[in-house]
């Protein structure tokens, strides 16, 4: 699993970055570095020399690709997409401990991997760990009309359809109103 007990979650980083790029497809390099820093990336790795505009372009493209996986509602297609990412971007898993993080798995190609490749490999690993831990997709895009925000579903229980309780409530209220309106407009109603 991700190391949320230590304050770090690769799945949360994945979601936050994918959602940020969905909201702003041209998210500036500074916005990307601020987001990466909030998720524990060391400042030395985020300098203009270490994280160039080209790197930012690669990372934005990778985030868009991961957003597609996060929005995939079908378990089998999501697993196929993750396997395709592993085949294209991952290498043999290795345990690593760096930058103050505890031991964790890496499947990227190390220093030879660019930012986009790193993000696709580490994101695929994070989602694969969620899929195997929960036995089902534990993420998604909000089903509420007009929302579509990406979310992670934590804990046991049935699969989530909404990013937050407010979206779920809004959809339930709208469905209730539609039913009441349909009942009122039905032939013979009100007699």
Protein backbone atom coordinates (compact mmCIF):
# COMPACT_ATOMS: atom_id res chain seq x y z
CA UNK A 1 0.00 0.00 0.00
CA UNK A 2 1.04 3.59 -0.15
CA UNK A 3 2.71 5.05 2.87
CA UNK A 4 -0.13 7.19 4.16
CA UNK A 5 0.87 6.37 7.74
CA UNK A 6 4.02 8.37 7.09
CA UNK A 7 2.13 11.22 5.45
CA UNK A 8 2.86 10.20 1.87
CA UNK A 9 0.47 8.65 -0.59
CA UNK A 10 1.47 7.98 -4.19
CA UNK A 11 -2.22 7.53 -5.03
CA UNK A 12 -3.10 10.93 -3.55
CA UNK A 13 -0.22 12.55 -5.47
CA UNK A 14 -1.46 10.86 -8.63
CA UNK A 15 -5.01 12.04 -8.10
CA UNK A 16 -4.05 15.60 -7.19
CA UNK A 17 -1.78 16.00 -10.19
CA UNK A 18 -4.25 14.42 -12.63
CA UNK A 19 -7.09 16.58 -11.30
CA UNK A 20 -4.97 19.74 -11.43
CA UNK A 21 -4.03 19.11 -15.07
CA UNK A 22 -7.66 18.29 -15.94
CA UNK A 23 -8.71 21.61 -14.41
CA UNK A 24 -5.89 23.53 -16.12
CA UNK A 25 -4.40 21.63 -19.09
CA UNK A 26 -1.65 24.24 -19.38
CA UNK A 27 -0.84 24.21 -15.66
CA UNK A 28 2.41 26.20 -15.48
CA UNK A 29 5.66 24.59 -14.45
CA UNK A 30 5.54 26.53 -11.15
CA UNK A 31 2.09 25.07 -10.40
CA UNK A 32 3.40 21.57 -11.05
CA UNK A 33 6.46 22.09 -8.86
CA UNK A 34 4.31 23.47 -6.02
CA UNK A 35 2.04 20.43 -6.22
CA UNK A 36 4.99 18.04 -6.32
CA UNK A 37 6.58 19.82 -3.34
CA UNK A 38 3.33 19.44 -1.34
CA UNK A 39 3.62 15.71 -1.98
CA UNK A 40 7.17 15.46 -0.67
CA UNK A 41 9.31 16.02 -3.76
CA UNK A 42 12.58 17.60 -2.67
CA UNK A 43 13.33 21.19 -3.77
CA UNK A 44 16.61 20.10 -5.36
CA UNK A 45 14.59 17.98 -7.82
CA UNK A 46 12.27 20.88 -8.68
CA UNK A 47 14.75 23.51 -9.78
CA UNK A 48 14.50 24.86 -13.33
CA UNK A 49 17.58 22.81 -14.25
CA UNK A 50 16.23 19.56 -12.77
CA UNK A 51 12.59 20.04 -13.84
CA UNK A 52 12.55 21.83 -17.17
CA UNK A 53 9.65 23.13 -19.25
CA UNK A 54 10.02 20.00 -21.39
CA UNK A 55 9.76 17.88 -18.24
CA UNK A 56 6.63 19.83 -17.29
CA UNK A 57 5.12 19.09 -20.73
CA UNK A 58 5.88 15.37 -20.27
CA UNK A 59 4.38 15.37 -16.79
CA UNK A 60 1.20 17.14 -17.97
CA UNK A 61 0.79 14.56 -20.78
CA UNK A 62 1.33 11.72 -18.29
CA UNK A 63 -1.21 13.26 -15.90
CA UNK A 64 -3.80 13.42 -18.70
CA UNK A 65 -3.18 9.75 -19.47
CA UNK A 66 -3.53 8.77 -15.82
CA UNK A 67 -6.73 10.82 -15.57
CA UNK A 68 -8.18 8.55 -18.27
CA UNK A 69 -7.35 5.49 -16.15
CA UNK A 70 -8.80 7.16 -13.05
CA UNK A 71 -12.03 7.86 -14.96
CA UNK A 72 -12.36 4.27 -16.29
CA UNK A 73 -15.33 2.65 -14.53
CA UNK A 74 -14.77 -0.88 -15.86
CA UNK A 75 -12.50 -2.97 -13.64
CA UNK A 76 -11.17 -5.17 -16.46
CA UNK A 77 -10.40 -2.23 -18.76
CA UNK A 78 -8.72 -0.39 -15.89
CA UNK A 79 -6.55 -3.45 -15.16
CA UNK A 80 -5.67 -3.73 -18.87
CA UNK A 81 -4.70 -0.04 -18.92
CA UNK A 82 -2.50 -0.48 -15.85
CA UNK A 83 -0.84 -3.56 -17.35
CA UNK A 84 -0.18 -1.59 -20.55
CA UNK A 85 1.46 1.18 -18.50
CA UNK A 86 3.60 -1.38 -16.67
CA UNK A 87 4.66 -2.95 -19.98
CA UNK A 88 5.59 0.40 -21.47
CA UNK A 89 7.08 2.31 -18.53
CA UNK A 90 7.92 0.01 -15.63
CA UNK A 91 10.82 -2.20 -14.79
CA UNK A 92 11.41 -4.87 -12.17
CA UNK A 93 10.21 -3.66 -8.75
CA UNK A 94 12.83 -2.55 -6.29
CA UNK A 95 12.71 -1.38 -2.69
CA UNK A 96 14.09 2.07 -2.08
CA UNK A 97 14.36 4.60 0.70
CA UNK A 98 15.23 8.18 -0.14
CA UNK A 99 14.53 11.84 0.64
CA UNK A 100 13.24 11.04 4.12
CA UNK A 101 10.62 8.56 2.91
CA UNK A 102 10.48 5.07 4.47
CA UNK A 103 11.05 1.93 2.41
CA UNK A 104 8.72 1.71 -0.58
CA UNK A 105 8.51 0.13 -4.02
CA UNK A 106 9.68 1.78 -7.21
CA UNK A 107 8.96 0.39 -10.64
CA UNK A 108 10.22 3.32 -12.72
CA UNK A 109 13.43 3.05 -14.71
CA UNK A 110 15.36 5.17 -12.25
CA UNK A 111 17.37 8.14 -13.40
CA UNK A 112 16.90 7.06 -17.01
CA UNK A 113 13.16 7.72 -16.74
CA UNK A 114 11.85 11.19 -17.40
CA UNK A 115 9.21 12.85 -15.23
CA UNK A 116 6.35 11.59 -17.39
CA UNK A 117 7.63 8.00 -17.40
CA UNK A 118 8.21 8.15 -13.65
CA UNK A 119 4.68 9.43 -13.07
CA UNK A 120 3.08 6.78 -15.30
CA UNK A 121 5.03 3.92 -13.69
CA UNK A 122 4.52 5.10 -10.11
CA UNK A 123 0.87 5.98 -10.77
CA UNK A 124 0.19 2.56 -12.27
CA UNK A 125 1.78 0.94 -9.21
CA UNK A 126 -0.33 3.04 -6.82
CA UNK A 127 -3.57 2.17 -8.63
CA UNK A 128 -2.62 -1.50 -8.95
CA UNK A 129 -2.03 -1.61 -5.19
CA UNK A 130 -5.47 -0.07 -4.59
CA UNK A 131 -7.12 -2.49 -7.01
CA UNK A 132 -5.55 -5.52 -5.37
CA UNK A 133 -6.12 -4.25 -1.82
CA UNK A 134 -9.82 -3.57 -2.40
CA UNK A 135 -10.53 -6.25 -5.01
CA UNK A 136 -12.26 -3.62 -7.12
CA UNK A 137 -11.69 -0.16 -8.53
CA UNK A 138 -11.14 2.18 -5.60
CA UNK A 139 -11.16 5.40 -7.60
CA UNK A 140 -13.31 7.11 -10.18
CA UNK A 141 -14.80 10.21 -11.69
CA UNK A 142 -17.78 11.71 -9.90
CA UNK A 143 -21.09 10.65 -11.47
CA UNK A 144 -22.88 13.85 -10.41
CA UNK A 145 -24.13 15.96 -13.29
CA UNK A 146 -21.69 18.76 -14.00
CA UNK A 147 -18.97 17.49 -11.65
CA UNK A 148 -16.71 14.68 -12.91
CA UNK A 149 -14.00 15.35 -10.30
CA UNK A 150 -11.64 12.45 -9.75
CA UNK A 151 -11.64 10.74 -6.35
CA UNK A 152 -10.10 7.92 -4.37
CA UNK A 153 -12.41 5.63 -2.44
CA UNK A 154 -11.02 4.53 0.86
CA UNK A 155 -12.07 1.68 3.04
CA UNK A 156 -14.43 -1.22 2.65
CA UNK A 157 -17.97 -1.04 1.39
CA UNK A 158 -19.59 -0.65 -1.94
CA UNK A 159 -17.96 1.24 -4.76
CA UNK A 160 -18.31 5.01 -4.64
CA UNK A 161 -19.94 6.98 -7.44
CA UNK A 162 -19.49 10.51 -6.15
CA UNK A 163 -16.49 12.60 -5.13
CA UNK A 164 -18.17 13.94 -1.99
CA UNK A 165 -21.33 13.72 0.07
CA UNK A 166 -22.53 17.02 -1.36
CA UNK A 167 -22.56 15.62 -4.90
CA UNK A 168 -24.31 12.43 -3.75
CA UNK A 169 -26.95 14.44 -1.89
CA UNK A 170 -27.49 16.80 -4.82
CA UNK A 171 -28.03 13.82 -7.14
CA UNK A 172 -30.45 12.11 -4.71
CA UNK A 173 -32.47 15.32 -4.35
CA UNK A 174 -32.55 15.82 -8.12
CA UNK A 175 -33.69 12.22 -8.66
CA UNK A 176 -36.39 12.64 -6.00
CA UNK A 177 -37.65 15.83 -7.66
CA UNK A 178 -37.70 14.14 -11.08
CA UNK A 179 -39.76 11.25 -9.68
CA UNK A 180 -42.22 13.63 -8.00
CA UNK A 181 -42.54 15.69 -11.19
CA UNK A 182 -43.10 12.54 -13.26
CA UNK A 183 -45.74 11.32 -10.82
CA UNK A 184 -47.53 14.66 -10.96
CA UNK A 185 -47.46 14.69 -14.77
CA UNK A 186 -48.56 11.07 -15.15
CA UNK A 187 -52.06 10.50 -16.62
CA UNK A 188 -54.60 10.24 -13.84
CA UNK A 189 -52.38 11.98 -11.30
CA UNK A 190 -54.15 14.15 -8.81
CA UNK A 191 -57.60 12.59 -9.31
